């Protein structure tokens, strides 16, 4: 298959693995942006492995999480995506609404998107 260039300014939808079997109207869709080479270097340590995974997941989502749809809170009410600054980065409180295991999965999806051009393969649909 011929490689396809990645559009680094575009976002891509991502549904968490545990949510993919739910009806589409009940799925939470996260909008993510793939990393640049410089950002990859920021997230990786010298051995090429992700360092301090919780901190790195937070940093990566701060840079790459661009929104979400249909994300319910514990009371069933939809959680509003809140961003701040000129680059519309999510607030720390916004990122804190995502469980750590889900932050790690989203981080892996962002990293994979930086290496894969096939959005259907990355999304898992």
N, C-alpha and C. Protein backbone atom coordinates (compact mmCIF):
# COMPACT_ATOMS: atom_id res chain seq x y z
N UNK A 1 0.85 -1.18 0.00
CA UNK A 1 0.00 0.00 0.00
C UNK A 1 0.89 1.24 0.00
N UNK A 2 0.52 2.19 -0.77
CA UNK A 2 1.26 3.44 -0.88
C UNK A 2 1.09 4.29 0.38
N UNK A 3 2.17 4.85 0.95
CA UNK A 3 2.02 5.69 2.14
C UNK A 3 1.30 7.00 1.81
N UNK A 4 0.59 7.50 2.78
CA UNK A 4 -0.15 8.75 2.64
C UNK A 4 0.37 9.72 3.69
N UNK A 5 0.63 10.95 3.29
CA UNK A 5 1.12 11.96 4.22
C UNK A 5 0.06 12.28 5.26
N UNK A 6 0.50 12.57 6.45
CA UNK A 6 -0.40 12.89 7.56
C UNK A 6 -0.62 14.40 7.60
N UNK A 7 -1.85 14.81 7.68
CA UNK A 7 -2.18 16.23 7.83
C UNK A 7 -2.12 16.57 9.30
N UNK A 8 -1.07 17.25 9.72
CA UNK A 8 -0.84 17.50 11.14
C UNK A 8 -1.78 18.52 11.76
N UNK A 9 -2.50 19.25 10.95
CA UNK A 9 -3.44 20.23 11.50
C UNK A 9 -4.85 19.66 11.60
N UNK A 10 -5.09 18.54 10.96
CA UNK A 10 -6.42 17.93 10.98
C UNK A 10 -6.61 17.12 12.26
N UNK A 11 -7.84 16.97 12.66
CA UNK A 11 -8.15 16.10 13.80
C UNK A 11 -8.76 14.82 13.28
N UNK A 12 -8.75 13.80 14.11
CA UNK A 12 -9.40 12.55 13.74
C UNK A 12 -10.25 12.07 14.91
N UNK A 13 -11.36 11.40 14.60
CA UNK A 13 -12.23 10.90 15.67
C UNK A 13 -11.67 9.61 16.26
N UNK A 14 -11.90 9.42 17.55
CA UNK A 14 -11.48 8.18 18.21
C UNK A 14 -12.51 7.77 19.25
N UNK A 15 -12.92 6.51 19.18
CA UNK A 15 -13.86 5.92 20.14
C UNK A 15 -13.08 4.90 20.97
N UNK A 16 -13.17 4.99 22.30
CA UNK A 16 -12.47 4.05 23.17
C UNK A 16 -12.91 2.62 22.88
N UNK A 17 -11.97 1.68 23.00
CA UNK A 17 -12.25 0.29 22.68
C UNK A 17 -13.49 -0.24 23.40
N UNK A 18 -13.62 0.06 24.70
CA UNK A 18 -14.75 -0.50 25.46
C UNK A 18 -16.09 0.12 25.07
N UNK A 19 -16.06 1.19 24.29
CA UNK A 19 -17.28 1.89 23.90
C UNK A 19 -17.71 1.59 22.46
N UNK A 20 -16.88 0.86 21.72
CA UNK A 20 -17.13 0.63 20.29
C UNK A 20 -18.32 -0.28 19.99
N UNK A 21 -18.66 -1.15 20.91
CA UNK A 21 -19.78 -2.06 20.69
C UNK A 21 -21.12 -1.42 21.02
N UNK A 22 -21.09 -0.27 21.68
CA UNK A 22 -22.33 0.43 22.03
C UNK A 22 -22.96 1.02 20.77
N UNK A 23 -24.27 1.27 20.81
CA UNK A 23 -24.89 1.95 19.67
C UNK A 23 -24.18 3.26 19.40
N UNK A 24 -24.10 3.65 18.14
CA UNK A 24 -23.35 4.85 17.76
C UNK A 24 -23.80 6.09 18.52
N UNK A 25 -25.09 6.22 18.79
CA UNK A 25 -25.57 7.41 19.48
C UNK A 25 -25.14 7.44 20.96
N UNK A 26 -24.65 6.33 21.49
CA UNK A 26 -24.18 6.27 22.87
C UNK A 26 -22.66 6.29 22.97
N UNK A 27 -21.96 6.32 21.85
CA UNK A 27 -20.51 6.33 21.86
C UNK A 27 -19.98 7.74 22.14
N UNK A 28 -18.91 7.80 22.95
CA UNK A 28 -18.21 9.05 23.16
C UNK A 28 -17.12 9.14 22.09
N UNK A 29 -17.08 10.25 21.38
CA UNK A 29 -16.10 10.46 20.32
C UNK A 29 -15.13 11.55 20.77
N UNK A 30 -13.85 11.21 20.85
CA UNK A 30 -12.81 12.17 21.18
C UNK A 30 -12.19 12.66 19.88
N UNK A 31 -11.91 13.95 19.80
CA UNK A 31 -11.28 14.53 18.62
C UNK A 31 -9.82 14.80 18.94
N UNK A 32 -8.93 14.13 18.22
CA UNK A 32 -7.50 14.17 18.50
C UNK A 32 -6.72 14.70 17.31
N UNK A 33 -5.51 15.20 17.57
CA UNK A 33 -4.61 15.67 16.52
C UNK A 33 -3.32 14.85 16.60
N UNK A 34 -2.79 14.38 15.47
CA UNK A 34 -1.54 13.62 15.51
C UNK A 34 -0.35 14.50 15.90
N UNK A 35 0.71 13.90 16.46
CA UNK A 35 1.87 14.68 16.89
C UNK A 35 2.84 14.98 15.75
N UNK A 36 3.60 16.05 15.92
CA UNK A 36 4.71 16.34 15.01
C UNK A 36 5.94 15.57 15.51
N UNK A 37 6.99 15.56 14.72
CA UNK A 37 8.23 14.90 15.13
C UNK A 37 8.76 15.55 16.41
N UNK A 38 8.72 16.87 16.49
CA UNK A 38 9.21 17.56 17.68
C UNK A 38 8.39 17.17 18.92
N UNK A 39 7.09 17.03 18.75
CA UNK A 39 6.25 16.63 19.88
C UNK A 39 6.53 15.19 20.28
N UNK A 40 6.75 14.30 19.30
CA UNK A 40 7.13 12.92 19.61
C UNK A 40 8.36 12.91 20.50
N UNK A 41 9.36 13.71 20.16
CA UNK A 41 10.60 13.77 20.94
C UNK A 41 10.34 14.27 22.36
N UNK A 42 9.39 15.18 22.52
CA UNK A 42 9.06 15.71 23.84
C UNK A 42 8.45 14.62 24.72
N UNK A 43 7.68 13.71 24.13
CA UNK A 43 6.97 12.69 24.90
C UNK A 43 7.80 11.44 25.17
N UNK A 44 8.86 11.24 24.39
CA UNK A 44 9.66 10.03 24.52
C UNK A 44 10.93 10.32 25.30
N UNK A 45 11.39 9.34 26.06
CA UNK A 45 12.67 9.52 26.76
C UNK A 45 13.79 9.03 25.84
N UNK A 46 15.03 9.01 26.33
CA UNK A 46 16.18 8.67 25.50
C UNK A 46 16.13 7.26 24.92
N UNK A 47 15.48 6.33 25.58
CA UNK A 47 15.42 4.96 25.07
C UNK A 47 14.26 4.77 24.09
N UNK A 48 13.51 5.83 23.82
CA UNK A 48 12.39 5.72 22.88
C UNK A 48 11.11 5.27 23.55
N UNK A 49 11.15 5.04 24.84
CA UNK A 49 9.96 4.61 25.57
C UNK A 49 9.27 5.82 26.18
N UNK A 50 7.97 5.71 26.37
CA UNK A 50 7.26 6.80 27.02
C UNK A 50 7.69 6.87 28.48
N UNK A 51 8.04 8.07 28.91
CA UNK A 51 8.50 8.28 30.28
C UNK A 51 7.35 8.78 31.13
N UNK A 52 7.28 8.28 32.36
CA UNK A 52 6.25 8.73 33.31
C UNK A 52 4.89 8.80 32.62
N UNK A 53 4.35 7.66 32.34
CA UNK A 53 3.19 7.54 31.46
C UNK A 53 2.00 8.42 31.83
N UNK A 54 1.69 8.56 33.10
CA UNK A 54 0.56 9.41 33.48
C UNK A 54 0.80 10.86 33.13
N UNK A 55 2.01 11.35 33.43
CA UNK A 55 2.37 12.73 33.13
C UNK A 55 2.41 12.95 31.62
N UNK A 56 2.99 12.00 30.91
CA UNK A 56 3.10 12.13 29.46
C UNK A 56 1.73 12.08 28.80
N UNK A 57 0.84 11.24 29.32
CA UNK A 57 -0.52 11.18 28.76
C UNK A 57 -1.20 12.52 28.94
N UNK A 58 -1.03 13.12 30.12
CA UNK A 58 -1.62 14.43 30.39
C UNK A 58 -1.06 15.49 29.44
N UNK A 59 0.26 15.51 29.29
CA UNK A 59 0.90 16.48 28.39
C UNK A 59 0.44 16.29 26.95
N UNK A 60 0.37 15.04 26.52
CA UNK A 60 -0.03 14.77 25.15
C UNK A 60 -1.47 15.19 24.91
N UNK A 61 -2.36 14.88 25.85
CA UNK A 61 -3.76 15.29 25.68
C UNK A 61 -3.89 16.80 25.72
N UNK A 62 -3.08 17.46 26.51
CA UNK A 62 -3.10 18.92 26.57
C UNK A 62 -2.83 19.51 25.18
N UNK A 63 -1.94 18.88 24.45
CA UNK A 63 -1.57 19.35 23.10
C UNK A 63 -2.50 18.83 22.00
N UNK A 64 -3.10 17.66 22.19
CA UNK A 64 -3.75 16.99 21.06
C UNK A 64 -5.25 16.73 21.20
N UNK A 65 -5.79 16.81 22.39
CA UNK A 65 -7.23 16.63 22.56
C UNK A 65 -7.92 17.92 22.14
N UNK A 66 -8.75 17.83 21.13
CA UNK A 66 -9.37 19.03 20.56
C UNK A 66 -10.88 19.09 20.79
N UNK A 67 -11.42 18.12 21.49
CA UNK A 67 -12.84 18.14 21.79
C UNK A 67 -13.36 16.73 22.02
N UNK A 68 -14.66 16.63 22.32
CA UNK A 68 -15.33 15.35 22.43
C UNK A 68 -16.80 15.54 22.20
N UNK A 69 -17.48 14.43 21.96
CA UNK A 69 -18.92 14.42 21.77
C UNK A 69 -19.50 13.33 22.67
N UNK A 70 -20.64 13.59 23.25
CA UNK A 70 -21.40 12.55 23.95
C UNK A 70 -20.61 11.90 25.08
N UNK A 71 -19.99 12.70 25.94
CA UNK A 71 -19.19 12.20 27.05
C UNK A 71 -19.98 12.40 28.34
N UNK A 72 -20.65 11.34 28.83
CA UNK A 72 -21.49 11.49 30.01
C UNK A 72 -20.70 11.47 31.32
N UNK A 73 -21.16 12.25 32.28
CA UNK A 73 -20.59 12.25 33.63
C UNK A 73 -21.27 11.18 34.47
N UNK A 74 -20.88 11.05 35.73
CA UNK A 74 -21.46 10.03 36.61
C UNK A 74 -22.97 10.19 36.80
N UNK A 75 -23.46 11.42 36.64
CA UNK A 75 -24.90 11.66 36.81
C UNK A 75 -25.68 11.47 35.51
N UNK A 76 -24.96 11.09 34.44
CA UNK A 76 -25.61 10.89 33.15
C UNK A 76 -25.67 12.15 32.29
N UNK A 77 -25.39 13.30 32.90
CA UNK A 77 -25.37 14.56 32.14
C UNK A 77 -24.10 14.63 31.30
N UNK A 78 -24.21 15.22 30.11
CA UNK A 78 -23.04 15.33 29.25
C UNK A 78 -22.04 16.32 29.82
N UNK A 79 -20.77 15.95 29.77
CA UNK A 79 -19.68 16.78 30.27
C UNK A 79 -19.24 17.72 29.15
N UNK A 80 -19.15 19.00 29.46
CA UNK A 80 -18.74 20.00 28.49
C UNK A 80 -17.22 20.00 28.36
N UNK A 81 -16.74 20.05 27.12
CA UNK A 81 -15.31 20.17 26.87
C UNK A 81 -14.93 21.63 27.10
N UNK A 82 -13.96 21.86 27.96
CA UNK A 82 -13.53 23.23 28.27
C UNK A 82 -12.08 23.41 27.86
N UNK A 83 -11.83 24.48 27.10
CA UNK A 83 -10.49 24.79 26.64
C UNK A 83 -10.17 26.23 26.99
N UNK A 84 -8.88 26.53 26.98
CA UNK A 84 -8.47 27.90 27.28
C UNK A 84 -7.23 28.24 26.46
N UNK A 85 -6.93 29.51 26.40
CA UNK A 85 -5.74 29.98 25.69
C UNK A 85 -5.98 30.16 24.21
N UNK A 86 -4.99 30.71 23.56
CA UNK A 86 -5.12 31.02 22.13
C UNK A 86 -5.14 29.77 21.26
N UNK A 87 -4.61 28.66 21.78
CA UNK A 87 -4.60 27.42 21.00
C UNK A 87 -5.71 26.47 21.41
N UNK A 88 -6.67 26.97 22.21
CA UNK A 88 -7.80 26.15 22.65
C UNK A 88 -7.37 24.81 23.24
N UNK A 89 -6.40 24.85 24.14
CA UNK A 89 -5.96 23.62 24.80
C UNK A 89 -6.94 23.28 25.92
N UNK A 90 -7.22 21.98 26.12
CA UNK A 90 -8.13 21.61 27.20
C UNK A 90 -7.56 22.00 28.55
N UNK A 91 -8.44 22.37 29.47
CA UNK A 91 -8.00 22.71 30.82
C UNK A 91 -7.58 21.44 31.55
N UNK A 92 -6.79 21.60 32.61
CA UNK A 92 -6.39 20.44 33.42
C UNK A 92 -7.63 19.74 33.99
N UNK A 93 -8.62 20.53 34.38
CA UNK A 93 -9.84 19.94 34.92
C UNK A 93 -10.55 19.10 33.85
N UNK A 94 -10.53 19.58 32.63
CA UNK A 94 -11.16 18.83 31.53
C UNK A 94 -10.46 17.48 31.35
N UNK A 95 -9.13 17.49 31.31
CA UNK A 95 -8.38 16.24 31.14
C UNK A 95 -8.60 15.32 32.34
N UNK A 96 -8.74 15.90 33.52
CA UNK A 96 -8.95 15.10 34.73
C UNK A 96 -10.28 14.36 34.70
N UNK A 97 -11.21 14.76 33.86
CA UNK A 97 -12.50 14.07 33.75
C UNK A 97 -12.36 12.72 33.05
N UNK A 98 -11.23 12.48 32.40
CA UNK A 98 -10.98 11.24 31.65
C UNK A 98 -10.19 10.30 32.55
N UNK A 99 -10.67 9.09 32.74
CA UNK A 99 -9.97 8.09 33.56
C UNK A 99 -8.56 7.86 33.01
N UNK A 100 -7.60 7.58 33.91
CA UNK A 100 -6.21 7.39 33.50
C UNK A 100 -6.08 6.32 32.41
N UNK A 101 -6.77 5.20 32.57
CA UNK A 101 -6.65 4.15 31.55
C UNK A 101 -7.15 4.63 30.20
N UNK A 102 -8.14 5.52 30.20
CA UNK A 102 -8.63 6.07 28.94
C UNK A 102 -7.68 7.12 28.39
N UNK A 103 -7.04 7.88 29.28
CA UNK A 103 -6.02 8.84 28.82
C UNK A 103 -4.88 8.11 28.13
N UNK A 104 -4.48 6.98 28.70
CA UNK A 104 -3.39 6.19 28.11
C UNK A 104 -3.82 5.64 26.75
N UNK A 105 -5.06 5.15 26.64
CA UNK A 105 -5.54 4.66 25.36
C UNK A 105 -5.58 5.78 24.32
N UNK A 106 -6.04 6.95 24.72
CA UNK A 106 -6.08 8.09 23.79
C UNK A 106 -4.66 8.49 23.39
N UNK A 107 -3.73 8.48 24.33
CA UNK A 107 -2.34 8.78 24.03
C UNK A 107 -1.81 7.79 22.99
N UNK A 108 -2.11 6.52 23.16
CA UNK A 108 -1.67 5.51 22.20
C UNK A 108 -2.30 5.73 20.83
N UNK A 109 -3.55 6.18 20.80
CA UNK A 109 -4.21 6.47 19.52
C UNK A 109 -3.54 7.65 18.82
N UNK A 110 -3.16 8.66 19.58
CA UNK A 110 -2.48 9.83 19.00
C UNK A 110 -1.14 9.40 18.43
N UNK A 111 -0.39 8.61 19.20
CA UNK A 111 0.92 8.15 18.76
C UNK A 111 0.79 7.28 17.51
N UNK A 112 -0.20 6.39 17.52
CA UNK A 112 -0.42 5.52 16.35
C UNK A 112 -0.77 6.34 15.13
N UNK A 113 -1.57 7.38 15.31
CA UNK A 113 -1.97 8.23 14.18
C UNK A 113 -0.76 8.94 13.60
N UNK A 114 0.21 9.23 14.41
CA UNK A 114 1.44 9.83 13.91
C UNK A 114 2.24 8.89 13.04
N UNK A 115 1.95 7.59 13.18
CA UNK A 115 2.69 6.57 12.42
C UNK A 115 1.84 5.88 11.37
N UNK A 116 0.53 6.07 11.44
CA UNK A 116 -0.39 5.40 10.51
C UNK A 116 -1.21 6.44 9.77
N UNK A 117 -1.50 6.18 8.53
CA UNK A 117 -2.32 7.12 7.76
C UNK A 117 -3.74 6.62 7.59
N UNK A 118 -3.98 5.36 7.87
CA UNK A 118 -5.30 4.76 7.65
C UNK A 118 -6.18 5.01 8.87
N UNK A 119 -7.08 5.99 8.80
CA UNK A 119 -7.88 6.38 9.97
C UNK A 119 -8.79 5.26 10.42
N UNK A 120 -9.28 4.41 9.53
CA UNK A 120 -10.16 3.33 9.95
C UNK A 120 -9.41 2.30 10.79
N UNK A 121 -8.13 2.06 10.47
CA UNK A 121 -7.33 1.12 11.26
C UNK A 121 -7.05 1.69 12.64
N UNK A 122 -6.74 2.96 12.73
CA UNK A 122 -6.45 3.60 14.03
C UNK A 122 -7.68 3.65 14.89
N UNK A 123 -8.82 4.01 14.30
CA UNK A 123 -10.06 4.13 15.06
C UNK A 123 -10.58 2.78 15.52
N UNK A 124 -10.22 1.73 14.80
CA UNK A 124 -10.67 0.40 15.18
C UNK A 124 -12.07 0.09 14.70
N UNK A 125 -12.55 0.80 13.71
CA UNK A 125 -13.90 0.55 13.19
C UNK A 125 -13.80 0.00 11.80
